[in-house]
């Protein structure tokens, strides 16, 4: 069974957008990791010492 042309076009557009979303998520994750790395190297991200609990 074949799909009507407009449904096939819609499905191919959905498939294309899903693939694009996957690529954009991958790129975003990579850029976030790079930004964290640069910030860490620059000293912008430092771990704070654990503060003693006050009671």
PDB file of N, CA and C in Angstrom:
ATOM      1  N   UNK A   1       0.843  -1.163   0.000  1.00  0.00           N
ATOM      2  CA  UNK A   1       0.000   0.000   0.000  1.00  0.00           C
ATOM      3  C   UNK A   1       0.902   1.244   0.000  1.00  0.00           C
ATOM      4  N   UNK A   2       0.592   2.187  -0.854  1.00  0.00           N
ATOM      5  CA  UNK A   2       1.375   3.414  -0.919  1.00  0.00           C
ATOM      6  C   UNK A   2       0.582   4.561  -0.311  1.00  0.00           C
ATOM      7  N   UNK A   3       1.339   5.552   0.191  1.00  0.00           N
ATOM      8  CA  UNK A   3       0.704   6.729   0.789  1.00  0.00           C
ATOM      9  C   UNK A   3       0.369   7.740  -0.299  1.00  0.00           C
ATOM     10  N   UNK A   4      -0.649   8.530  -0.077  1.00  0.00           N
ATOM     11  CA  UNK A   4      -0.921   9.620  -1.004  1.00  0.00           C
ATOM     12  C   UNK A   4       0.268  10.586  -1.021  1.00  0.00           C
ATOM     13  N   UNK A   5       0.491  11.291  -2.112  1.00  0.00           N
ATOM     14  CA  UNK A   5       1.669  12.166  -2.216  1.00  0.00           C
ATOM     15  C   UNK A   5       1.792  13.190  -1.089  1.00  0.00           C
ATOM     16  N   UNK A   6       0.686  13.806  -0.680  1.00  0.00           N
ATOM     17  CA  UNK A   6       0.793  14.819   0.378  1.00  0.00           C
ATOM     18  C   UNK A   6       1.169  14.195   1.719  1.00  0.00           C
ATOM     19  N   UNK A   7       0.687  12.972   1.986  1.00  0.00           N
ATOM     20  CA  UNK A   7       1.049  12.296   3.231  1.00  0.00           C
ATOM     21  C   UNK A   7       2.507  11.849   3.190  1.00  0.00           C
ATOM     22  N   UNK A   8       2.952  11.402   2.029  1.00  0.00           N
ATOM     23  CA  UNK A   8       4.343  11.001   1.872  1.00  0.00           C
ATOM     24  C   UNK A   8       5.256  12.211   2.060  1.00  0.00           C
ATOM     25  N   UNK A   9       4.869  13.343   1.512  1.00  0.00           N
ATOM     26  CA  UNK A   9       5.651  14.567   1.667  1.00  0.00           C
ATOM     27  C   UNK A   9       5.705  14.973   3.134  1.00  0.00           C
ATOM     28  N   UNK A  10       4.571  14.893   3.808  1.00  0.00           N
ATOM     29  CA  UNK A  10       4.521  15.238   5.224  1.00  0.00           C
ATOM     30  C   UNK A  10       5.410  14.299   6.029  1.00  0.00           C
ATOM     31  N   UNK A  11       5.339  13.020   5.757  1.00  0.00           N
ATOM     32  CA  UNK A  11       6.156  12.052   6.494  1.00  0.00           C
ATOM     33  C   UNK A  11       7.638  12.274   6.227  1.00  0.00           C
ATOM     34  N   UNK A  12       8.007  12.559   4.994  1.00  0.00           N
ATOM     35  CA  UNK A  12       9.420  12.798   4.705  1.00  0.00           C
ATOM     36  C   UNK A  12       9.907  14.065   5.407  1.00  0.00           C
ATOM     37  N   UNK A  13       9.031  15.067   5.525  1.00  0.00           N
ATOM     38  CA  UNK A  13       9.388  16.290   6.249  1.00  0.00           C
ATOM     39  C   UNK A  13       9.567  15.997   7.736  1.00  0.00           C
ATOM     40  N   UNK A  14       8.699  15.186   8.300  1.00  0.00           N
ATOM     41  CA  UNK A  14       8.818  14.791   9.705  1.00  0.00           C
ATOM     42  C   UNK A  14      10.133  14.039   9.917  1.00  0.00           C
ATOM     43  N   UNK A  15      10.445  13.117   9.026  1.00  0.00           N
ATOM     44  CA  UNK A  15      11.701  12.361   9.136  1.00  0.00           C
ATOM     45  C   UNK A  15      12.913  13.289   9.055  1.00  0.00           C
ATOM     46  N   UNK A  16      12.853  14.245   8.131  1.00  0.00           N
ATOM     47  CA  UNK A  16      13.966  15.184   7.972  1.00  0.00           C
ATOM     48  C   UNK A  16      14.130  16.031   9.234  1.00  0.00           C
ATOM     49  N   UNK A  17      13.025  16.498   9.793  1.00  0.00           N
ATOM     50  CA  UNK A  17      13.088  17.327  10.996  1.00  0.00           C
ATOM     51  C   UNK A  17      13.574  16.536  12.206  1.00  0.00           C
ATOM     52  N   UNK A  18      13.192  15.277  12.293  1.00  0.00           N
ATOM     53  CA  UNK A  18      13.698  14.435  13.395  1.00  0.00           C
ATOM     54  C   UNK A  18      15.202  14.246  13.285  1.00  0.00           C
ATOM     55  N   UNK A  19      15.687  14.024  12.083  1.00  0.00           N
ATOM     56  CA  UNK A  19      17.128  13.878  11.881  1.00  0.00           C
ATOM     57  C   UNK A  19      17.850  15.186  12.211  1.00  0.00           C
ATOM     58  N   UNK A  20      17.268  16.303  11.808  1.00  0.00           N
ATOM     59  CA  UNK A  20      17.867  17.602  12.109  1.00  0.00           C
ATOM     60  C   UNK A  20      17.886  17.855  13.611  1.00  0.00           C
ATOM     61  N   UNK A  21      16.801  17.509  14.303  1.00  0.00           N
ATOM     62  CA  UNK A  21      16.756  17.656  15.762  1.00  0.00           C
ATOM     63  C   UNK A  21      17.851  16.832  16.433  1.00  0.00           C
ATOM     64  N   UNK A  22      18.047  15.612  15.977  1.00  0.00           N
ATOM     65  CA  UNK A  22      19.083  14.758  16.553  1.00  0.00           C
ATOM     66  C   UNK A  22      20.459  15.390  16.359  1.00  0.00           C
ATOM     67  N   UNK A  23      20.710  15.917  15.179  1.00  0.00           N
ATOM     68  CA  UNK A  23      21.992  16.568  14.908  1.00  0.00           C
ATOM     69  C   UNK A  23      22.161  17.800  15.787  1.00  0.00           C
ATOM     70  N   UNK A  24      21.127  18.610  15.912  1.00  0.00           N
ATOM     71  CA  UNK A  24      21.210  19.820  16.729  1.00  0.00           C
ATOM     72  C   UNK A  24      21.439  19.485  18.206  1.00  0.00           C
ATOM     73  N   UNK A  25      20.804  18.433  18.695  1.00  0.00           N
ATOM     74  CA  UNK A  25      21.039  18.015  20.091  1.00  0.00           C
ATOM     75  C   UNK A  25      22.488  17.594  20.288  1.00  0.00           C
ATOM     76  N   UNK A  26      23.031  16.850  19.329  1.00  0.00           N
ATOM     77  CA  UNK A  26      24.420  16.417  19.414  1.00  0.00           C
ATOM     78  C   UNK A  26      25.361  17.611  19.410  1.00  0.00           C
ATOM     79  N   UNK A  27      25.116  18.562  18.517  1.00  0.00           N
ATOM     80  CA  UNK A  27      25.948  19.760  18.442  1.00  0.00           C
ATOM     81  C   UNK A  27      25.845  20.577  19.733  1.00  0.00           C
ATOM     82  N   UNK A  28      24.636  20.694  20.281  1.00  0.00           N
ATOM     83  CA  UNK A  28      24.444  21.438  21.531  1.00  0.00           C
ATOM     84  C   UNK A  28      25.225  20.796  22.663  1.00  0.00           C
ATOM     85  N   UNK A  29      25.166  19.474  22.768  1.00  0.00           N
ATOM     86  CA  UNK A  29      25.890  18.775  23.823  1.00  0.00           C
ATOM     87  C   UNK A  29      27.400  18.975  23.682  1.00  0.00           C
ATOM     88  N   UNK A  30      27.892  18.911  22.458  1.00  0.00           N
ATOM     89  CA  UNK A  30      29.313  19.113  22.208  1.00  0.00           C
ATOM     90  C   UNK A  30      29.735  20.533  22.587  1.00  0.00           C
ATOM     91  N   UNK A  31      28.946  21.523  22.183  1.00  0.00           N
ATOM     92  CA  UNK A  31      29.271  22.911  22.511  1.00  0.00           C
ATOM     93  C   UNK A  31      29.208  23.168  24.015  1.00  0.00           C
ATOM     94  N   UNK A  32      28.264  22.561  24.694  1.00  0.00           N
ATOM     95  CA  UNK A  32      28.170  22.710  26.143  1.00  0.00           C
ATOM     96  C   UNK A  32      29.403  22.131  26.823  1.00  0.00           C
ATOM     97  N   UNK A  33      29.837  20.956  26.389  1.00  0.00           N
ATOM     98  CA  UNK A  33      31.037  20.351  26.966  1.00  0.00           C
ATOM     99  C   UNK A  33      32.262  21.212  26.700  1.00  0.00           C
ATOM    100  N   UNK A  34      32.368  21.778  25.499  1.00  0.00           N
ATOM    101  CA  UNK A  34      33.491  22.656  25.174  1.00  0.00           C
ATOM    102  C   UNK A  34      33.458  23.906  26.044  1.00  0.00           C
ATOM    103  N   UNK A  35      32.281  24.495  26.218  1.00  0.00           N
ATOM    104  CA  UNK A  35      32.164  25.699  27.037  1.00  0.00           C
ATOM    105  C   UNK A  35      32.546  25.416  28.483  1.00  0.00           C
ATOM    106  N   UNK A  36      32.126  24.289  29.002  1.00  0.00           N
ATOM    107  CA  UNK A  36      32.492  23.908  30.372  1.00  0.00           C
ATOM    108  C   UNK A  36      34.005  23.721  30.465  1.00  0.00           C
ATOM    109  N   UNK A  37      34.590  23.091  29.460  1.00  0.00           N
ATOM    110  CA  UNK A  37      36.045  22.903  29.446  1.00  0.00           C
ATOM    111  C   UNK A  37      36.789  24.227  29.428  1.00  0.00           C
ATOM    112  N   UNK A  38      36.365  25.151  28.578  1.00  0.00           N
ATOM    113  CA  UNK A  38      37.013  26.455  28.516  1.00  0.00           C
ATOM    114  C   UNK A  38      36.846  27.211  29.833  1.00  0.00           C
ATOM    115  N   UNK A  39      35.661  27.162  30.402  1.00  0.00           N
ATOM    116  CA  UNK A  39      35.411  27.863  31.662  1.00  0.00           C
ATOM    117  C   UNK A  39      36.252  27.268  32.787  1.00  0.00           C
ATOM    118  N   UNK A  40      36.387  25.962  32.792  1.00  0.00           N
ATOM    119  CA  UNK A  40      37.195  25.310  33.813  1.00  0.00           C
ATOM    120  C   UNK A  40      38.660  25.694  33.654  1.00  0.00           C
ATOM    121  N   UNK A  41      39.165  25.663  32.433  1.00  0.00           N
ATOM    122  CA  UNK A  41      40.556  26.038  32.167  1.00  0.00           C
ATOM    123  C   UNK A  41      40.823  27.488  32.547  1.00  0.00           C
ATOM    124  N   UNK A  42      39.849  28.359  32.351  1.00  0.00           N
ATOM    125  CA  UNK A  42      39.998  29.775  32.660  1.00  0.00           C
ATOM    126  C   UNK A  42      39.824  30.050  34.154  1.00  0.00           C
ATOM    127  N   UNK A  43      39.439  29.052  34.907  1.00  0.00           N
ATOM    128  CA  UNK A  43      39.255  29.224  36.337  1.00  0.00           C
ATOM    129  C   UNK A  43      37.905  29.792  36.717  1.00  0.00           C
ATOM    130  N   UNK A  44      37.018  29.872  35.769  1.00  0.00           N
ATOM    131  CA  UNK A  44      35.694  30.423  36.060  1.00  0.00           C
ATOM    132  C   UNK A  44      34.847  29.438  36.851  1.00  0.00           C
ATOM    133  N   UNK A  45      35.131  28.177  36.717  1.00  0.00           N
ATOM    134  CA  UNK A  45      34.390  27.163  37.465  1.00  0.00           C
ATOM    135  C   UNK A  45      35.334  26.540  38.483  1.00  0.00           C
ATOM    136  N   UNK A  46      35.157  26.907  39.706  1.00  0.00           N
ATOM    137  CA  UNK A  46      35.965  26.323  40.775  1.00  0.00           C
ATOM    138  C   UNK A  46      35.028  25.657  41.757  1.00  0.00           C
ATOM    139  N   UNK A  47      35.476  24.571  42.270  1.00  0.00           N
ATOM    140  CA  UNK A  47      34.668  23.901  43.288  1.00  0.00           C
ATOM    141  C   UNK A  47      34.811  24.671  44.597  1.00  0.00           C
ATOM    142  N   UNK A  48      33.674  24.927  45.209  1.00  0.00           N
ATOM    143  CA  UNK A  48      33.705  25.592  46.504  1.00  0.00           C
ATOM    144  C   UNK A  48      34.002  24.554  47.572  1.00  0.00           C
ATOM    145  N   UNK A  49      34.797  24.946  48.568  1.00  0.00           N
ATOM    146  CA  UNK A  49      35.028  23.984  49.658  1.00  0.00           C
ATOM    147  C   UNK A  49      33.718  23.724  50.389  1.00  0.00           C
ATOM    148  N   UNK A  50      33.605  22.538  50.894  1.00  0.00           N
ATOM    149  CA  UNK A  50      32.399  22.189  51.636  1.00  0.00           C
ATOM    150  C   UNK A  50      32.329  23.021  52.894  1.00  0.00           C
ATOM    151  N   UNK A  51      31.211  23.652  53.106  1.00  0.00           N
ATOM    152  CA  UNK A  51      31.023  24.461  54.296  1.00  0.00           C
ATOM    153  C   UNK A  51      30.564  23.562  55.437  1.00  0.00           C
ATOM    154  N   UNK A  52      31.114  23.792  56.622  1.00  0.00           N
ATOM    155  CA  UNK A  52      30.671  22.959  57.750  1.00  0.00           C
ATOM    156  C   UNK A  52      29.205  23.247  58.057  1.00  0.00           C
ATOM    157  N   UNK A  53      28.523  22.218  58.485  1.00  0.00           N
ATOM    158  CA  UNK A  53      27.106  22.385  58.828  1.00  0.00           C
ATOM    159  C   UNK A  53      26.993  23.165  60.116  1.00  0.00           C
ATOM    160  N   UNK A  54      26.078  24.107  60.133  1.00  0.00           N
ATOM    161  CA  UNK A  54      25.833  24.863  61.374  1.00  0.00           C
ATOM    162  C   UNK A  54      24.507  24.388  61.947  1.00  0.00           C
ATOM    163  N   UNK A  55      24.517  24.232  63.241  1.00  0.00           N
ATOM    164  CA  UNK A  55      23.291  23.755  63.896  1.00  0.00           C
ATOM    165  C   UNK A  55      22.879  24.699  64.963  1.00  0.00           C
TER     166      UNK A  55
END
